């Protein structure tokens, strides 16, 4: 009888410890927290655009090359934001991969 009580106590303590460790995973974030989170895509584009404008002002690149850099920066930032969100970078919206790796 004492062994069963001890086993039950160990099981309860283990379940409690796991629930405490994973409390952030078990509790959904509030809507205000989700809205307050900065958008990684816009932050990345802002930083990269500032760098491109600086190069353009220093005349180290011309306007045509700056347009190319902006397009590439947007693609890079989109891929980084998708990766941070857990999406597969490079796939069109709505398309899911056929294999799990």
C-alpha atoms as a PDB file:
ATOM      1  CA  UNK A   1       0.000   0.000   0.000  1.00  0.00           C
ATOM      2  CA  UNK A   2       2.796   2.412   0.893  1.00  0.00           C
ATOM      3  CA  UNK A   3       4.516   1.704  -2.435  1.00  0.00           C
ATOM      4  CA  UNK A   4       1.362   2.604  -4.384  1.00  0.00           C
ATOM      5  CA  UNK A   5       0.957   5.856  -2.474  1.00  0.00           C
ATOM      6  CA  UNK A   6       4.621   6.705  -3.098  1.00  0.00           C
ATOM      7  CA  UNK A   7       4.258   5.900  -6.815  1.00  0.00           C
ATOM      8  CA  UNK A   8       1.164   8.078  -7.041  1.00  0.00           C
ATOM      9  CA  UNK A   9       2.970  10.929  -5.266  1.00  0.00           C
ATOM     10  CA  UNK A  10       5.917  10.645  -7.670  1.00  0.00           C
ATOM     11  CA  UNK A  11       3.555  10.652 -10.667  1.00  0.00           C
ATOM     12  CA  UNK A  12       1.707  13.736  -9.391  1.00  0.00           C
ATOM     13  CA  UNK A  13       4.951  15.584  -8.649  1.00  0.00           C
ATOM     14  CA  UNK A  14       6.349  14.697 -12.079  1.00  0.00           C
ATOM     15  CA  UNK A  15       3.189  15.889 -13.831  1.00  0.00           C
ATOM     16  CA  UNK A  16       3.281  19.111 -11.808  1.00  0.00           C
ATOM     17  CA  UNK A  17       6.944  19.704 -12.661  1.00  0.00           C
ATOM     18  CA  UNK A  18       6.286  19.148 -16.362  1.00  0.00           C
ATOM     19  CA  UNK A  19       3.299  21.482 -16.283  1.00  0.00           C
ATOM     20  CA  UNK A  20       5.409  24.150 -14.558  1.00  0.00           C
ATOM     21  CA  UNK A  21       8.300  23.793 -17.029  1.00  0.00           C
ATOM     22  CA  UNK A  22       5.991  24.003 -20.062  1.00  0.00           C
ATOM     23  CA  UNK A  23       3.582  26.600 -18.673  1.00  0.00           C
ATOM     24  CA  UNK A  24       4.324  29.016 -21.559  1.00  0.00           C
ATOM     25  CA  UNK A  25       3.504  26.285 -24.073  1.00  0.00           C
ATOM     26  CA  UNK A  26       0.274  25.338 -22.306  1.00  0.00           C
ATOM     27  CA  UNK A  27      -1.127  28.844 -21.835  1.00  0.00           C
ATOM     28  CA  UNK A  28      -2.084  30.682 -25.033  1.00  0.00           C
ATOM     29  CA  UNK A  29      -0.758  34.256 -25.377  1.00  0.00           C
ATOM     30  CA  UNK A  30      -3.245  37.071 -24.932  1.00  0.00           C
ATOM     31  CA  UNK A  31      -4.431  38.982 -28.006  1.00  0.00           C
ATOM     32  CA  UNK A  32      -2.830  42.201 -26.712  1.00  0.00           C
ATOM     33  CA  UNK A  33       0.549  40.462 -26.470  1.00  0.00           C
ATOM     34  CA  UNK A  34       0.269  39.176 -30.030  1.00  0.00           C
ATOM     35  CA  UNK A  35      -0.661  42.618 -31.388  1.00  0.00           C
ATOM     36  CA  UNK A  36       2.091  44.323 -29.385  1.00  0.00           C
ATOM     37  CA  UNK A  37       4.785  42.053 -30.824  1.00  0.00           C
ATOM     38  CA  UNK A  38       6.843  43.842 -33.480  1.00  0.00           C
ATOM     39  CA  UNK A  39       6.540  42.602 -37.040  1.00  0.00           C
ATOM     40  CA  UNK A  40       9.915  41.069 -37.960  1.00  0.00           C
ATOM     41  CA  UNK A  41       9.379  41.690 -41.685  1.00  0.00           C
ATOM     42  CA  UNK A  42       8.853  45.440 -41.366  1.00  0.00           C
ATOM     43  CA  UNK A  43      11.715  45.795 -38.915  1.00  0.00           C
ATOM     44  CA  UNK A  44      14.084  43.958 -41.249  1.00  0.00           C
ATOM     45  CA  UNK A  45      12.981  45.997 -44.282  1.00  0.00           C
ATOM     46  CA  UNK A  46      13.443  49.251 -42.367  1.00  0.00           C
ATOM     47  CA  UNK A  47      17.005  48.349 -41.372  1.00  0.00           C
ATOM     48  CA  UNK A  48      17.964  47.173 -44.848  1.00  0.00           C
ATOM     49  CA  UNK A  49      16.349  50.199 -46.519  1.00  0.00           C
ATOM     50  CA  UNK A  50      18.304  52.530 -44.256  1.00  0.00           C
ATOM     51  CA  UNK A  51      21.531  50.759 -45.227  1.00  0.00           C
ATOM     52  CA  UNK A  52      20.669  51.036 -48.926  1.00  0.00           C
ATOM     53  CA  UNK A  53      19.808  54.736 -48.571  1.00  0.00           C
ATOM     54  CA  UNK A  54      23.142  55.298 -46.819  1.00  0.00           C
ATOM     55  CA  UNK A  55      25.035  53.618 -49.675  1.00  0.00           C
ATOM     56  CA  UNK A  56      23.040  55.685 -52.168  1.00  0.00           C
ATOM     57  CA  UNK A  57      23.846  58.907 -50.293  1.00  0.00           C
ATOM     58  CA  UNK A  58      27.542  57.977 -50.211  1.00  0.00           C
ATOM     59  CA  UNK A  59      27.317  57.370 -53.979  1.00  0.00           C
ATOM     60  CA  UNK A  60      28.779  53.890 -53.585  1.00  0.00           C
ATOM     61  CA  UNK A  61      25.804  52.560 -55.603  1.00  0.00           C
ATOM     62  CA  UNK A  62      23.588  54.090 -58.270  1.00  0.00           C
ATOM     63  CA  UNK A  63      19.767  54.245 -58.330  1.00  0.00           C
ATOM     64  CA  UNK A  64      19.416  51.168 -60.540  1.00  0.00           C
ATOM     65  CA  UNK A  65      21.536  49.054 -58.206  1.00  0.00           C
ATOM     66  CA  UNK A  66      19.626  50.437 -55.188  1.00  0.00           C
ATOM     67  CA  UNK A  67      16.370  49.169 -56.724  1.00  0.00           C
ATOM     68  CA  UNK A  68      17.924  45.722 -57.148  1.00  0.00           C
ATOM     69  CA  UNK A  69      19.165  45.779 -53.553  1.00  0.00           C
ATOM     70  CA  UNK A  70      15.702  46.777 -52.284  1.00  0.00           C
ATOM     71  CA  UNK A  71      14.061  43.884 -54.131  1.00  0.00           C
ATOM     72  CA  UNK A  72      16.612  41.434 -52.773  1.00  0.00           C
ATOM     73  CA  UNK A  73      16.298  42.857 -49.258  1.00  0.00           C
ATOM     74  CA  UNK A  74      12.531  42.405 -49.380  1.00  0.00           C
ATOM     75  CA  UNK A  75      12.927  38.769 -50.432  1.00  0.00           C
ATOM     76  CA  UNK A  76      15.508  38.114 -47.711  1.00  0.00           C
ATOM     77  CA  UNK A  77      13.355  39.773 -45.046  1.00  0.00           C
ATOM     78  CA  UNK A  78      10.272  37.833 -46.166  1.00  0.00           C
ATOM     79  CA  UNK A  79      12.212  34.544 -45.926  1.00  0.00           C
ATOM     80  CA  UNK A  80      13.571  35.425 -42.471  1.00  0.00           C
ATOM     81  CA  UNK A  81      10.115  36.422 -41.211  1.00  0.00           C
ATOM     82  CA  UNK A  82       8.568  33.231 -42.594  1.00  0.00           C
ATOM     83  CA  UNK A  83      11.300  31.140 -40.989  1.00  0.00           C
ATOM     84  CA  UNK A  84      10.761  32.886 -37.644  1.00  0.00           C
ATOM     85  CA  UNK A  85       7.015  32.193 -37.943  1.00  0.00           C
ATOM     86  CA  UNK A  86       7.670  28.507 -38.574  1.00  0.00           C
ATOM     87  CA  UNK A  87       6.692  28.604 -42.230  1.00  0.00           C
ATOM     88  CA  UNK A  88       8.733  27.008 -44.973  1.00  0.00           C
ATOM     89  CA  UNK A  89      10.579  29.832 -46.777  1.00  0.00           C
ATOM     90  CA  UNK A  90      10.171  30.023 -50.509  1.00  0.00           C
ATOM     91  CA  UNK A  91       6.783  28.368 -50.865  1.00  0.00           C
ATOM     92  CA  UNK A  92       3.877  30.356 -52.271  1.00  0.00           C
ATOM     93  CA  UNK A  93       1.056  31.181 -49.822  1.00  0.00           C
ATOM     94  CA  UNK A  94      -1.275  28.241 -49.260  1.00  0.00           C
ATOM     95  CA  UNK A  95       1.185  25.607 -50.531  1.00  0.00           C
ATOM     96  CA  UNK A  96       2.442  23.055 -48.035  1.00  0.00           C
ATOM     97  CA  UNK A  97       5.435  20.759 -48.422  1.00  0.00           C
ATOM     98  CA  UNK A  98       4.691  17.182 -49.446  1.00  0.00           C
ATOM     99  CA  UNK A  99       7.379  15.606 -47.258  1.00  0.00           C
ATOM    100  CA  UNK A 100       8.250  16.038 -43.605  1.00  0.00           C
ATOM    101  CA  UNK A 101      11.958  16.054 -42.859  1.00  0.00           C
END
